[in-house]
Protein backbone atom coordinates (compact mmCIF):
# COMPACT_ATOMS: atom_id res chain seq x y z
CA MET A 1 0.05 -0.04 0.10
CA ASN A 2 2.87 2.46 0.54
CA VAL A 3 3.91 1.89 -2.55
CA TYR A 4 0.60 2.91 -3.98
CA LEU A 5 0.85 6.77 -2.23
CA LEU A 6 4.60 7.71 -2.72
CA PRO A 7 3.50 9.38 -6.19
CA PHE A 8 1.16 11.32 -3.85
CA LEU A 9 3.35 12.41 -1.18
CA PHE A 10 5.65 14.50 -4.22
CA LEU A 11 2.18 16.30 -5.38
CA PRO A 12 2.20 18.94 -2.14
CA MET A 13 5.79 19.57 -3.47
CA LEU A 14 5.39 19.69 -7.03
CA SER A 15 2.68 21.95 -6.39
CA PHE A 16 4.53 24.77 -4.85
CA ALA A 17 7.92 24.32 -6.99
CA GLN A 18 6.87 28.11 -8.56
CA VAL A 19 5.48 30.93 -5.97
CA GLY A 20 2.98 33.32 -7.95
CA ILE A 21 2.28 36.46 -6.23
CA GLY A 22 -0.97 38.56 -7.76
CA THR A 23 -1.41 35.32 -10.38
CA THR A 24 -3.00 31.81 -9.79
CA GLN A 25 -0.48 30.51 -12.68
CA PRO A 26 3.41 31.17 -12.21
CA GLN A 27 5.13 30.98 -15.19
CA GLN A 28 8.88 30.87 -13.22
CA ASP A 29 9.71 29.78 -9.98
CA LEU A 30 8.15 33.76 -8.65
CA HIS A 31 6.11 35.25 -10.87
CA ILE A 32 4.98 38.55 -9.80
CA ALA A 33 2.12 39.61 -11.83
CA GLY A 34 0.57 42.99 -12.27
CA ASP A 35 1.88 45.90 -14.50
CA THR A 36 2.01 48.26 -11.51
CA SER A 37 3.97 45.59 -9.13
CA THR A 38 6.93 46.52 -6.97
CA ILE A 39 9.62 45.12 -5.00
CA ARG A 40 10.74 46.97 -2.33
CA ILE A 41 13.88 45.20 -0.15
CA GLU A 42 14.79 47.38 3.23
CA SER A 43 18.16 46.57 3.52
CA LEU A 44 18.76 47.87 0.42
CA ASN A 45 17.17 51.62 1.85
CA ALA A 46 19.34 55.17 2.96
CA THR A 47 18.41 53.72 6.85
CA ASN A 48 20.28 50.30 6.66
CA ASN A 49 22.79 50.36 3.29
CA PRO A 50 25.74 52.98 3.43
CA PHE A 51 26.15 53.02 -0.18
CA ASN A 52 22.25 54.26 -1.30
CA ASN A 53 22.67 58.32 0.18
CA GLY A 54 18.68 58.58 -0.25
CA ILE A 55 18.94 61.35 -3.39
CA ASP A 56 20.14 59.47 -6.22
CA LEU A 57 19.64 56.19 -7.74
CA ALA A 58 21.74 53.79 -6.17
CA PRO A 59 22.99 50.92 -8.89
CA VAL A 60 21.73 47.29 -8.11
CA SER A 61 24.36 44.37 -8.97
CA ILE A 62 24.50 40.80 -8.26
CA ASP A 63 27.21 39.33 -6.19
CA GLY A 64 28.55 35.73 -7.01
CA PHE A 65 26.47 34.07 -4.84
CA GLY A 66 23.09 35.51 -6.48
CA ASN A 67 22.45 38.09 -4.53
CA PHE A 68 21.72 41.73 -4.80
CA THR A 69 24.12 44.04 -3.70
CA LEU A 70 24.52 47.61 -4.30
CA VAL A 71 27.45 46.62 -3.97
CA PRO A 72 29.63 46.81 -7.47
CA GLN A 73 31.12 44.36 -8.54
CA TYR A 74 33.02 45.45 -11.21
CA ASN A 75 35.55 48.35 -11.28
CA THR A 76 33.19 51.49 -12.23
CA PRO A 77 31.27 54.20 -10.50
CA LEU A 78 29.49 53.52 -7.44
CA VAL A 79 27.81 57.04 -6.83
CA PHE A 80 28.69 60.61 -6.92
CA LEU A 81 30.26 61.79 -3.05
CA LEU A 82 29.05 64.72 -3.53
CA GLU A 83 28.11 67.12 -6.49
CA GLU A 84 28.47 70.50 -6.22
CA ASN A 85 27.91 73.60 -7.93
CA ASN A 86 29.87 77.33 -7.37
CA PHE A 87 31.69 75.27 -4.53
CA ILE A 88 33.83 78.27 -3.58
CA PRO A 89 31.40 81.40 -2.10
CA ASP A 90 31.82 84.43 -5.37
CA ASN A 91 32.25 87.32 -2.26
CA PRO A 92 33.13 86.49 0.75
CA SER A 93 34.55 89.39 1.27
CA ASN A 94 31.57 91.37 0.54
CA LEU A 95 33.12 93.78 -1.92
CA ASP A 96 31.63 95.64 -5.01
CA PHE A 97 32.66 92.73 -7.03
CA ASN A 98 32.99 88.71 -6.54
CA THR A 99 36.51 87.44 -6.03
CA GLY A 100 35.97 84.13 -4.51
CA THR A 101 39.11 83.45 -2.27
CA VAL A 102 41.97 85.95 -2.59
CA ILE A 103 45.64 85.03 -2.41
CA ASN A 104 48.43 87.49 -3.31
CA SER A 105 51.85 87.40 -4.69
CA ASP A 106 53.21 90.84 -3.54
CA LEU A 107 56.19 92.74 -4.46
CA ALA A 108 58.71 90.41 -1.73
CA SER A 109 57.83 86.92 -3.27
CA THR A 110 57.51 85.22 -6.11
CA SER A 111 54.95 82.14 -5.06
CA ASN A 112 52.28 82.16 -2.63
CA GLU A 113 50.65 79.66 -2.27
CA ALA A 114 47.29 79.37 0.40
CA ILE A 115 43.79 77.25 1.51
CA ILE A 116 41.00 77.77 -0.99
CA ILE A 117 38.38 76.09 0.69
CA THR A 118 38.02 72.70 2.41
CA LYS A 119 35.00 69.66 2.00
CA ALA A 120 34.47 66.80 3.95
CA ILE A 121 33.72 63.09 2.85
CA THR A 122 32.75 60.37 3.83
CA ILE A 123 34.19 56.43 2.64
CA PRO A 124 32.09 53.71 3.31
CA GLN A 125 34.62 51.08 2.42
CA PRO A 126 37.97 50.93 1.28
CA SER A 127 37.91 53.05 -2.38
CA ILE A 128 39.54 54.95 -5.24
CA ILE A 129 37.62 58.42 -5.19
CA GLU A 130 37.59 60.64 -8.46
CA VAL A 131 38.16 64.19 -8.03
CA ASN A 132 37.10 66.33 -10.26
CA TYR A 133 36.98 70.22 -10.50
CA ALA A 134 36.87 73.58 -12.10
CA VAL A 135 37.43 77.02 -10.83
CA THR A 136 37.66 80.16 -11.99
CA MET A 137 40.65 82.58 -11.17
CA LEU A 138 39.89 86.40 -11.79
CA PHE A 139 44.10 88.57 -12.35
CA ALA A 140 44.61 92.08 -11.10
CA GLY A 141 47.89 94.38 -9.96
CA ASP A 142 46.46 95.09 -6.81
CA ASP A 143 44.73 93.12 -3.76
CA LEU A 144 41.33 92.78 -4.76
CA LYS A 145 40.39 92.55 -1.51
CA SER A 146 40.76 96.64 -1.40
CA ASN A 147 38.24 96.24 -3.50
CA THR A 148 39.61 97.55 -6.45
CA LEU A 149 39.90 95.35 -9.72
CA SER A 150 43.65 97.12 -11.29
CA PRO A 151 43.97 95.19 -14.51
CA ILE A 152 47.12 93.63 -14.95
CA THR A 153 49.10 95.99 -17.37
CA ASP A 154 52.92 95.48 -17.31
CA ALA A 155 53.12 92.28 -19.61
CA LYS A 156 54.81 90.68 -17.26
CA SER A 157 53.26 86.74 -16.93
CA ARG A 158 51.15 85.92 -13.86
CA THR A 159 50.96 81.52 -13.05
CA GLY A 160 47.72 80.63 -10.87
CA GLU A 161 47.49 76.79 -9.97
CA ILE A 162 45.12 74.72 -8.30
CA PHE A 163 45.46 71.46 -6.68
CA PHE A 164 44.21 69.65 -3.77
CA ARG A 165 45.29 68.24 -0.15
CA ILE A 166 43.75 64.81 1.03
CA ASP A 167 43.25 64.78 5.43
CA LEU A 168 42.98 61.40 6.33
CA ASN A 169 40.91 60.68 9.25
CA SER A 170 40.00 64.25 9.26
CA ASP A 171 42.66 64.83 11.91
CA GLY A 172 44.78 67.91 10.62
CA LEU A 173 47.69 67.84 7.77
CA ASN A 174 50.47 65.96 8.80
CA ALA A 175 54.17 66.44 7.33
CA THR A 176 53.32 63.19 5.48
CA GLU A 177 50.20 64.18 4.32
CA ILE A 178 51.67 68.24 3.37
CA SER A 179 53.77 66.65 0.85
CA LYS A 180 51.25 64.81 -1.87
CA LYS A 181 49.73 66.90 -3.70
CA TYR A 182 46.70 65.79 -6.48
CA GLY A 183 45.33 67.53 -9.47
CA ILE A 184 47.68 69.82 -10.53
CA LYS A 185 46.60 72.16 -13.30
CA GLY A 186 47.83 76.48 -13.76
CA ILE A 187 47.02 78.83 -16.53
CA TYR A 188 49.76 81.07 -17.48
CA TYR A 189 48.05 84.77 -17.43
CA THR A 190 49.44 88.37 -19.02
CA SER A 191 48.52 91.36 -20.54
CA SER A 192 49.50 94.78 -21.18
CA SER A 193 48.56 98.78 -21.32
CA GLY A 194 44.67 99.00 -22.19
CA GLY A 195 43.67 95.40 -21.42
CA VAL A 196 40.96 94.53 -18.46
CA ALA A 197 40.62 92.02 -16.46
CA GLY A 198 37.81 88.99 -16.68
CA TYR A 199 37.20 85.70 -15.12
CA ALA A 200 40.46 82.59 -16.42
CA TYR A 201 38.84 78.71 -16.00
CA VAL A 202 40.92 76.19 -15.30
CA ASN A 203 39.67 72.48 -14.49
CA SER A 204 41.37 69.68 -13.36
CA GLN A 205 41.04 65.99 -11.98
CA GLY A 206 42.92 63.74 -9.38
CA TYR A 207 42.26 59.93 -8.03
CA VAL A 208 43.52 58.72 -4.30
CA THR A 209 43.06 56.01 -2.22
CA LEU A 210 41.17 56.10 0.76
CA PRO A 211 40.17 54.34 3.96
CA THR A 212 37.12 53.72 5.19
CA GLY A 213 36.00 56.94 7.12
CA ASN A 214 35.74 60.64 7.23
CA HIS A 215 38.03 63.04 5.71
CA THR A 216 38.38 66.17 4.45
CA ILE A 217 40.00 67.54 1.21
CA TYR A 218 42.30 70.91 1.57
CA PHE A 219 42.09 72.93 -2.37
CA TYR A 220 44.75 75.02 -2.83
CA GLY A 221 45.76 77.69 -5.01
CA VAL A 222 48.80 79.04 -5.38
CA VAL A 223 49.99 82.67 -7.20
CA LYS A 224 53.60 82.80 -9.10
CA ASP A 225 55.01 86.17 -10.88
CA GLY A 226 58.11 87.49 -11.10
CA ASN A 227 60.59 89.63 -8.99
CA SER A 228 58.82 93.12 -8.28
CA SER A 229 55.71 91.86 -9.38
CA TYR A 230 52.58 92.15 -7.72
CA THR A 231 49.55 89.85 -8.86
CA SER A 232 46.02 89.25 -6.77
CA ILE A 233 44.05 86.19 -7.76
CA GLY A 234 40.78 85.52 -6.82
CA PHE A 235 40.03 82.21 -7.19
CA GLY A 236 36.27 80.90 -7.80
CA GLY A 237 35.11 84.33 -7.93
CA SER A 238 32.57 83.06 -10.54
CA LYS A 239 31.55 79.67 -11.62
CA ASP A 240 32.94 76.40 -10.38
CA TYR A 241 32.37 73.24 -9.25
CA LEU A 242 32.88 69.79 -7.79
CA LYS A 243 32.26 66.50 -8.39
CA ILE A 244 33.67 63.56 -6.74
CA ARG A 245 32.74 59.51 -8.02
CA LEU A 246 33.51 56.73 -5.40
CA TYR A 247 34.86 53.76 -6.82
CA ASN A 248 35.81 49.95 -5.26
């Protein structure tokens, strides 16, 4: 008698081999019917997953076990950590015109370096970051912070440069961190009598491998000129942008 019952014992297992939601006739192992049906996985939402910032759409990947994950399985952009237009204040000194952050090289020096602005970032896992940024430069022959825009007229060349440094763990730049410069880019500027002042534009990018944690990016401006020349450069007085992408 037991021999005749065995086929019937397997029938329930065969009946539930395919699961249907919204349908009694599933066509696959899992079949969700309905033209407005959706799926929610709460372990992937912004509250529970560091790779979901709650603003941008997070790309879903499938790992080697077939699991859904927000961690990409290839060397592709994970997410924009930061995307900001006009990331440098246009007129921090409240002058009659926009200068951005002003850095001067006076008559006694031929080069001066100073911080333009800093940005804090959080890295959810060891990653490569791409820092892509653009900055305007306003060249003048006298201190821009004096609220006077004096065009350069001596036909001598000046150089304006930008770069950034990384403060690991946001505990202040140490000697090793200060020695490393990323995304260095510069432009030459000169003008004779009759020239007028205007905004020059330069863009750059740099790549850095960072560990998990909170870090700070220091953006720098450099002013270089010749002996007995005065040069004032306003960094970021007009259009500028900053985009930081994370790669696994």
